[in-house]
Amino acid sequence: MTRLAELLARDGDLSDRLYLVNKGIPFDVAFSLDDEMRMAWVVIFGTHDGGEFDWTTMSWKKRDA
């Protein structure tokens, strides 16, 4: 069971969808978005939270400490 929990905790799609739920998006909506729309919403909310997404590398830029 520990291995499954680790796999689920590291799943990027699941993490993104739960992030959207945490932001107030209803569960059924967050889990019904196609991949492109989900990513767009995550980037938008992440940017609102002060993050900066690098579209070239398709990753979040590290924040200065």
N, C-alpha and C. Protein backbone atom coordinates (compact mmCIF):
# COMPACT_ATOMS: atom_id res chain seq x y z
N MET A 1 0.83 -1.20 0.00
CA MET A 1 0.00 0.00 0.00
C MET A 1 0.87 1.26 0.00
N THR A 2 2.00 1.24 0.65
CA THR A 2 2.86 2.41 0.69
C THR A 2 3.33 2.80 -0.71
N ARG A 3 3.66 1.82 -1.54
CA ARG A 3 4.12 2.09 -2.90
C ARG A 3 3.02 2.76 -3.73
N LEU A 4 1.80 2.30 -3.58
CA LEU A 4 0.68 2.91 -4.30
C LEU A 4 0.49 4.36 -3.86
N ALA A 5 0.55 4.58 -2.57
CA ALA A 5 0.41 5.95 -2.06
C ALA A 5 1.50 6.85 -2.62
N GLU A 6 2.71 6.33 -2.70
CA GLU A 6 3.81 7.12 -3.26
C GLU A 6 3.57 7.42 -4.73
N LEU A 7 3.14 6.44 -5.48
CA LEU A 7 2.85 6.66 -6.90
C LEU A 7 1.76 7.70 -7.10
N LEU A 8 0.71 7.61 -6.31
CA LEU A 8 -0.39 8.58 -6.41
C LEU A 8 0.07 9.97 -6.02
N ALA A 9 0.87 10.07 -4.95
CA ALA A 9 1.34 11.36 -4.48
C ALA A 9 2.26 12.03 -5.50
N ARG A 10 2.92 11.24 -6.34
CA ARG A 10 3.84 11.78 -7.35
C ARG A 10 3.17 11.98 -8.71
N ASP A 11 1.91 11.63 -8.83
CA ASP A 11 1.20 11.73 -10.10
C ASP A 11 0.87 13.20 -10.39
N GLY A 12 1.48 13.74 -11.44
CA GLY A 12 1.30 15.15 -11.78
C GLY A 12 -0.13 15.51 -12.14
N ASP A 13 -0.82 14.66 -12.89
CA ASP A 13 -2.20 14.95 -13.28
C ASP A 13 -3.10 15.00 -12.05
N LEU A 14 -2.95 14.04 -11.17
CA LEU A 14 -3.75 14.02 -9.94
C LEU A 14 -3.44 15.25 -9.11
N SER A 15 -2.17 15.57 -8.99
CA SER A 15 -1.76 16.75 -8.22
C SER A 15 -2.38 18.02 -8.79
N ASP A 16 -2.33 18.17 -10.12
CA ASP A 16 -2.92 19.35 -10.76
C ASP A 16 -4.41 19.45 -10.47
N ARG A 17 -5.11 18.35 -10.60
CA ARG A 17 -6.56 18.36 -10.40
C ARG A 17 -6.92 18.67 -8.95
N LEU A 18 -6.16 18.11 -8.02
CA LEU A 18 -6.42 18.41 -6.61
C LEU A 18 -6.05 19.85 -6.27
N TYR A 19 -5.05 20.39 -6.93
CA TYR A 19 -4.70 21.81 -6.78
C TYR A 19 -5.89 22.67 -7.20
N LEU A 20 -6.52 22.33 -8.32
CA LEU A 20 -7.68 23.09 -8.77
C LEU A 20 -8.83 22.98 -7.78
N VAL A 21 -9.06 21.79 -7.24
CA VAL A 21 -10.11 21.61 -6.23
C VAL A 21 -9.79 22.48 -5.02
N ASN A 22 -8.53 22.51 -4.62
CA ASN A 22 -8.10 23.34 -3.49
C ASN A 22 -8.34 24.82 -3.76
N LYS A 23 -8.31 25.21 -5.02
CA LYS A 23 -8.56 26.59 -5.42
C LYS A 23 -10.06 26.90 -5.55
N GLY A 24 -10.90 25.92 -5.28
CA GLY A 24 -12.34 26.16 -5.30
C GLY A 24 -13.07 25.64 -6.51
N ILE A 25 -12.35 25.01 -7.43
CA ILE A 25 -13.00 24.42 -8.60
C ILE A 25 -13.70 23.14 -8.15
N PRO A 26 -14.97 22.96 -8.48
CA PRO A 26 -15.67 21.74 -8.07
C PRO A 26 -14.93 20.48 -8.56
N PHE A 27 -14.93 19.44 -7.72
CA PHE A 27 -14.25 18.19 -8.01
C PHE A 27 -14.59 17.66 -9.39
N ASP A 28 -15.89 17.62 -9.71
CA ASP A 28 -16.30 17.05 -11.00
C ASP A 28 -15.80 17.87 -12.17
N VAL A 29 -15.69 19.18 -12.00
CA VAL A 29 -15.17 20.03 -13.07
C VAL A 29 -13.66 19.81 -13.22
N ALA A 30 -12.94 19.83 -12.11
CA ALA A 30 -11.48 19.65 -12.15
C ALA A 30 -11.10 18.33 -12.79
N PHE A 31 -11.87 17.29 -12.52
CA PHE A 31 -11.54 15.97 -13.04
C PHE A 31 -12.13 15.71 -14.43
N SER A 32 -12.89 16.67 -14.98
CA SER A 32 -13.43 16.49 -16.32
C SER A 32 -12.72 17.35 -17.36
N LEU A 33 -11.81 18.22 -16.93
CA LEU A 33 -11.09 19.08 -17.87
C LEU A 33 -10.15 18.25 -18.74
N ASP A 34 -10.05 18.62 -20.01
CA ASP A 34 -9.05 17.95 -20.84
C ASP A 34 -7.67 18.47 -20.43
N ASP A 35 -6.63 17.80 -20.89
CA ASP A 35 -5.27 18.10 -20.44
C ASP A 35 -4.85 19.54 -20.69
N GLU A 36 -5.18 20.08 -21.86
CA GLU A 36 -4.76 21.44 -22.19
C GLU A 36 -5.48 22.47 -21.32
N MET A 37 -6.78 22.31 -21.12
CA MET A 37 -7.53 23.24 -20.29
C MET A 37 -7.06 23.15 -18.83
N ARG A 38 -6.83 21.92 -18.35
CA ARG A 38 -6.34 21.73 -16.98
C ARG A 38 -5.02 22.46 -16.79
N MET A 39 -4.11 22.27 -17.72
CA MET A 39 -2.81 22.92 -17.60
C MET A 39 -2.94 24.44 -17.62
N ALA A 40 -3.77 24.96 -18.50
CA ALA A 40 -3.97 26.40 -18.57
C ALA A 40 -4.48 26.94 -17.24
N TRP A 41 -5.46 26.27 -16.65
CA TRP A 41 -6.02 26.73 -15.36
C TRP A 41 -4.97 26.66 -14.26
N VAL A 42 -4.19 25.59 -14.24
CA VAL A 42 -3.15 25.45 -13.22
C VAL A 42 -2.13 26.57 -13.36
N VAL A 43 -1.72 26.86 -14.59
CA VAL A 43 -0.74 27.93 -14.81
C VAL A 43 -1.34 29.28 -14.41
N ILE A 44 -2.58 29.52 -14.75
CA ILE A 44 -3.22 30.79 -14.37
C ILE A 44 -3.27 30.93 -12.86
N PHE A 45 -3.78 29.92 -12.16
CA PHE A 45 -3.85 30.00 -10.70
C PHE A 45 -2.46 30.09 -10.09
N GLY A 46 -1.51 29.32 -10.63
CA GLY A 46 -0.15 29.36 -10.11
C GLY A 46 0.49 30.73 -10.28
N THR A 47 0.20 31.38 -11.40
CA THR A 47 0.69 32.73 -11.63
C THR A 47 0.06 33.70 -10.64
N HIS A 48 -1.23 33.52 -10.38
CA HIS A 48 -1.89 34.36 -9.37
C HIS A 48 -1.26 34.18 -8.00
N ASP A 49 -0.73 32.99 -7.75
CA ASP A 49 -0.08 32.69 -6.47
C ASP A 49 1.37 33.16 -6.43
N GLY A 50 1.82 33.81 -7.50
CA GLY A 50 3.17 34.35 -7.52
C GLY A 50 4.20 33.50 -8.26
N GLY A 51 3.76 32.40 -8.83
CA GLY A 51 4.69 31.56 -9.58
C GLY A 51 4.93 32.10 -10.97
N GLU A 52 5.98 31.60 -11.60
CA GLU A 52 6.28 31.98 -12.97
C GLU A 52 6.54 30.71 -13.76
N PHE A 53 5.73 30.49 -14.78
CA PHE A 53 5.83 29.29 -15.59
C PHE A 53 6.66 29.56 -16.82
N ASP A 54 7.61 28.67 -17.09
CA ASP A 54 8.48 28.79 -18.27
C ASP A 54 7.91 27.88 -19.36
N TRP A 55 7.34 28.49 -20.39
CA TRP A 55 6.71 27.72 -21.45
C TRP A 55 7.74 27.00 -22.32
N THR A 56 8.97 27.47 -22.32
CA THR A 56 10.01 26.81 -23.10
C THR A 56 10.37 25.46 -22.50
N THR A 57 10.53 25.42 -21.18
CA THR A 57 10.90 24.18 -20.49
C THR A 57 9.68 23.44 -19.96
N MET A 58 8.52 24.08 -20.04
CA MET A 58 7.26 23.50 -19.53
C MET A 58 7.39 23.14 -18.04
N SER A 59 7.98 24.08 -17.29
CA SER A 59 8.15 23.86 -15.85
C SER A 59 8.07 25.20 -15.12
N TRP A 60 7.87 25.10 -13.83
CA TRP A 60 7.83 26.30 -12.99
C TRP A 60 9.25 26.76 -12.71
N LYS A 61 9.47 28.06 -12.77
CA LYS A 61 10.77 28.60 -12.43
C LYS A 61 10.91 28.57 -10.90
N LYS A 62 12.10 28.30 -10.44
CA LYS A 62 12.35 28.28 -8.99
C LYS A 62 12.22 29.69 -8.44
N ARG A 63 11.58 29.77 -7.28
CA ARG A 63 11.44 31.06 -6.61
C ARG A 63 12.70 31.34 -5.81
N ASP A 64 13.08 32.60 -5.75
CA ASP A 64 14.21 32.98 -4.90
C ASP A 64 13.81 32.85 -3.45
N ALA A 65 14.74 32.39 -2.65
CA ALA A 65 14.47 32.19 -1.22
C ALA A 65 14.45 33.48 -0.47
